[in-house]
Amino acid sequence: MKVIQLHKNESALIKKAIKNNREAQHVLFEMHAPKMLSICRYYTKDIQQAEEAMLNGFFKVFSNLKSFKNKGSFEGWIRRIMVRESISFLRQQKKIEFSIEDITIKHNYTNNINTNIEVADIQRLIDTLPEGYKMVFIMYAIEGYKHHEIADLLDITAGTSKSQLFKARKMLQEKIKKLNKTSDYGTN
């Protein structure tokens, strides 16, 4: 029985890509592009903007490949670049706004909403959030960043990050309840 290697050795591909081997760069791009596009799509409202952010991100990946030190996963390294590139893209488009009020929030995020909403519907609901709420929500709830990390990346305070997350969750819960009442997804 012959064993077929399904994935090429990523470390070898990275070494070749550092030497500007276009084939190795293409293979790395093909391996990671679908997931990185979905990450960029979290932050932008349309696929063309997500593609632009992703392509700019891959340009940075290949330009800075020598700085990847094999500490942690290569995918995680690319992911961080894509998140930063998406944020940078939105800043260039002047689509990020944060409310500057810092409020004390009691963290009581119990969710008693009974729903069968599809992933595409959830993405559409997230897309309707104000950009500041959306970005903090995605970074915290989906990407797993801590508030102090979000604050550093977005140049806001940790309190503002917490406030934006609280407001985003509250707004999403209201939108889901409203969707449940007006659709065939469920009843309250």
Protein backbone atom coordinates (compact mmCIF):
# COMPACT_ATOMS: atom_id res chain seq x y z
CA MET A 1 0.00 0.00 0.00
CA LYS A 2 1.34 3.37 -1.02
CA VAL A 3 0.87 6.40 1.25
CA ILE A 4 0.10 9.62 -0.59
CA GLN A 5 1.25 12.85 1.02
CA LEU A 6 -1.84 15.08 1.09
CA HIS A 7 -0.12 18.24 2.28
CA LYS A 8 3.29 19.39 1.23
CA ASN A 9 5.75 20.04 4.00
CA GLU A 10 4.88 23.58 5.06
CA SER A 11 8.33 24.31 6.49
CA ALA A 12 9.99 23.40 3.20
CA LEU A 13 7.50 25.55 1.31
CA ILE A 14 8.19 28.49 3.62
CA LYS A 15 11.95 28.15 3.06
CA LYS A 16 11.43 28.12 -0.71
CA ALA A 17 8.99 31.04 -0.55
CA ILE A 18 11.56 33.10 1.40
CA LYS A 19 13.85 32.64 -1.61
CA ASN A 20 11.08 34.07 -3.83
CA ASN A 21 10.11 30.71 -5.29
CA ARG A 22 6.81 31.66 -6.94
CA GLU A 23 5.51 28.08 -7.01
CA ALA A 24 6.02 27.70 -3.25
CA GLN A 25 4.36 31.06 -2.65
CA HIS A 26 1.45 30.00 -4.83
CA VAL A 27 1.02 26.73 -2.92
CA LEU A 28 1.12 28.54 0.44
CA PHE A 29 -1.43 31.05 -0.87
CA GLU A 30 -3.74 28.27 -2.09
CA MET A 31 -3.42 26.45 1.25
CA HIS A 32 -4.36 29.46 3.37
CA ALA A 33 -6.39 31.83 1.17
CA PRO A 34 -9.87 30.36 1.78
CA LYS A 35 -9.59 30.62 5.57
CA MET A 36 -7.91 34.03 5.43
CA LEU A 37 -10.63 35.35 3.11
CA SER A 38 -13.26 34.31 5.65
CA ILE A 39 -11.31 36.11 8.40
CA CYS A 40 -11.16 39.30 6.31
CA ARG A 41 -14.86 38.91 5.49
CA TYR A 42 -15.70 39.03 9.21
CA TYR A 43 -14.52 42.62 9.24
CA THR A 44 -15.84 43.91 5.93
CA LYS A 45 -19.35 44.08 4.56
CA ASP A 46 -18.65 42.78 1.09
CA ILE A 47 -16.55 40.07 -0.46
CA GLN A 48 -14.63 42.42 -2.78
CA GLN A 49 -13.38 44.44 0.17
CA ALA A 50 -12.47 41.21 1.97
CA GLU A 51 -10.55 40.03 -1.10
CA GLU A 52 -8.68 43.32 -1.31
CA ALA A 53 -7.74 43.18 2.38
CA MET A 54 -6.70 39.53 2.02
CA LEU A 55 -4.51 40.20 -1.04
CA ASN A 56 -2.87 43.15 0.72
CA GLY A 57 -2.35 40.86 3.71
CA PHE A 58 -0.70 38.16 1.58
CA PHE A 59 1.56 40.80 0.06
CA LYS A 60 2.69 41.59 3.62
CA VAL A 61 3.00 37.88 4.43
CA PHE A 62 5.38 37.27 1.54
CA SER A 63 7.24 40.56 2.06
CA ASN A 64 7.86 39.71 5.73
CA LEU A 65 8.20 35.95 5.51
CA LYS A 66 11.79 36.12 6.77
CA SER A 67 10.45 37.43 10.09
CA PHE A 68 8.41 34.25 10.71
CA LYS A 69 10.45 32.43 13.37
CA ASN A 70 8.52 29.13 13.54
CA LYS A 71 7.23 30.09 16.99
CA GLY A 72 3.59 29.09 16.93
CA SER A 73 1.73 28.08 13.83
CA PHE A 74 2.28 29.63 10.43
CA GLU A 75 -1.49 29.89 10.01
CA GLY A 76 -1.75 31.84 13.27
CA TRP A 77 0.98 34.21 12.09
CA ILE A 78 -0.86 34.80 8.80
CA ARG A 79 -4.15 35.21 10.67
CA ARG A 80 -2.74 38.04 12.80
CA ILE A 81 -1.53 39.80 9.65
CA MET A 82 -4.99 39.43 8.08
CA VAL A 83 -6.73 40.86 11.15
CA ARG A 84 -4.39 43.85 11.18
CA GLU A 85 -4.74 44.32 7.43
CA SER A 86 -8.53 44.25 7.72
CA ILE A 87 -8.39 46.88 10.46
CA SER A 88 -6.01 48.97 8.37
CA PHE A 89 -8.29 48.64 5.33
CA LEU A 90 -11.29 49.87 7.31
CA ARG A 91 -9.27 52.75 8.75
CA GLN A 92 -8.29 53.80 5.23
CA GLN A 93 -11.95 53.68 4.26
CA LYS A 94 -12.73 55.71 7.40
CA LYS A 95 -15.35 53.19 8.43
CA ILE A 96 -14.31 52.66 12.04
CA GLU A 97 -16.01 54.72 14.71
CA PHE A 98 -16.03 54.05 18.41
CA SER A 99 -18.21 55.66 21.00
CA ILE A 100 -15.75 57.25 23.38
CA GLU A 101 -17.70 56.71 26.54
CA ASP A 102 -16.26 54.23 29.00
CA ILE A 103 -18.94 52.66 31.14
CA THR A 104 -18.81 50.12 33.90
CA ILE A 105 -20.42 46.94 32.69
CA LYS A 106 -21.73 44.06 34.73
CA HIS A 107 -20.87 40.94 32.74
CA ASN A 108 -24.11 39.00 32.68
CA TYR A 109 -24.27 37.54 29.23
CA THR A 110 -26.90 34.88 29.74
CA ASN A 111 -28.64 34.30 26.47
CA ASN A 112 -32.11 32.81 26.62
CA ILE A 113 -32.79 33.28 22.94
CA ASN A 114 -34.06 30.12 21.28
CA THR A 115 -33.11 30.27 17.63
CA ASN A 116 -32.15 28.23 14.59
CA ILE A 117 -30.58 31.07 12.61
CA GLU A 118 -28.25 30.12 9.76
CA VAL A 119 -24.61 31.23 9.72
CA ALA A 120 -25.23 33.51 6.71
CA ASP A 121 -28.02 35.24 8.64
CA ILE A 122 -25.74 35.74 11.63
CA GLN A 123 -23.08 37.26 9.36
CA ARG A 124 -25.70 39.62 7.91
CA LEU A 125 -26.75 40.64 11.44
CA ILE A 126 -23.13 41.24 12.43
CA ASP A 127 -22.68 43.30 9.24
CA THR A 128 -25.47 45.64 10.38
CA LEU A 129 -23.60 46.58 13.56
CA PRO A 130 -21.80 49.93 13.64
CA GLU A 131 -18.19 49.31 12.56
CA GLY A 132 -16.68 49.87 16.03
CA TYR A 133 -19.10 47.44 17.67
CA LYS A 134 -18.61 44.93 14.86
CA MET A 135 -14.83 45.01 14.99
CA VAL A 136 -14.61 44.59 18.77
CA PHE A 137 -17.27 41.85 18.71
CA ILE A 138 -15.41 39.88 16.04
CA MET A 139 -12.03 40.32 17.66
CA TYR A 140 -13.32 39.24 21.07
CA ALA A 141 -16.04 36.67 20.34
CA ILE A 142 -14.69 35.11 17.16
CA GLU A 143 -10.94 35.72 17.11
CA GLY A 144 -10.43 35.33 20.86
CA TYR A 145 -8.50 38.54 21.52
CA LYS A 146 -8.46 39.92 25.07
CA HIS A 147 -9.68 43.46 25.72
CA HIS A 148 -6.17 44.80 26.30
CA GLU A 149 -5.05 43.31 22.97
CA ILE A 150 -8.04 44.83 21.17
CA ALA A 151 -7.29 48.16 22.81
CA ASP A 152 -3.69 48.04 21.58
CA LEU A 153 -4.65 47.07 18.02
CA LEU A 154 -7.44 49.61 17.68
CA ASP A 155 -5.81 52.40 19.68
CA ILE A 156 -8.66 52.60 22.19
CA THR A 157 -8.90 51.90 25.92
CA ALA A 158 -9.76 48.48 27.33
CA GLY A 159 -12.86 50.10 28.85
CA THR A 160 -13.98 51.27 25.42
CA SER A 161 -13.44 47.74 24.10
CA LYS A 162 -15.60 46.31 26.88
CA SER A 163 -18.26 48.93 26.28
CA GLN A 164 -18.32 48.26 22.52
CA LEU A 165 -18.60 44.50 23.12
CA PHE A 166 -21.44 44.95 25.59
CA LYS A 167 -23.34 47.20 23.19
CA ALA A 168 -22.69 44.88 20.23
CA ARG A 169 -24.00 41.86 22.11
CA LYS A 170 -27.04 43.74 23.29
CA MET A 171 -27.78 44.99 19.77
CA LEU A 172 -27.31 41.51 18.29
CA GLN A 173 -29.62 39.97 20.88
CA GLU A 174 -32.28 42.53 20.02
CA LYS A 175 -31.86 41.87 16.29
CA ILE A 176 -32.11 38.11 16.82
CA LYS A 177 -35.25 38.49 18.91
CA LYS A 178 -36.75 40.71 16.23
CA LEU A 179 -35.77 38.23 13.51
CA ASN A 180 -37.31 35.38 15.50
CA LYS A 181 -40.57 37.27 15.83
CA THR A 182 -40.78 38.12 12.12
CA SER A 183 -39.49 34.90 10.57
CA ASP A 184 -40.02 31.21 10.46
CA TYR A 185 -36.89 30.58 12.55
CA GLY A 186 -38.70 30.22 15.84
CA THR A 187 -40.97 31.79 18.32
CA ASN A 188 -40.44 33.52 21.63
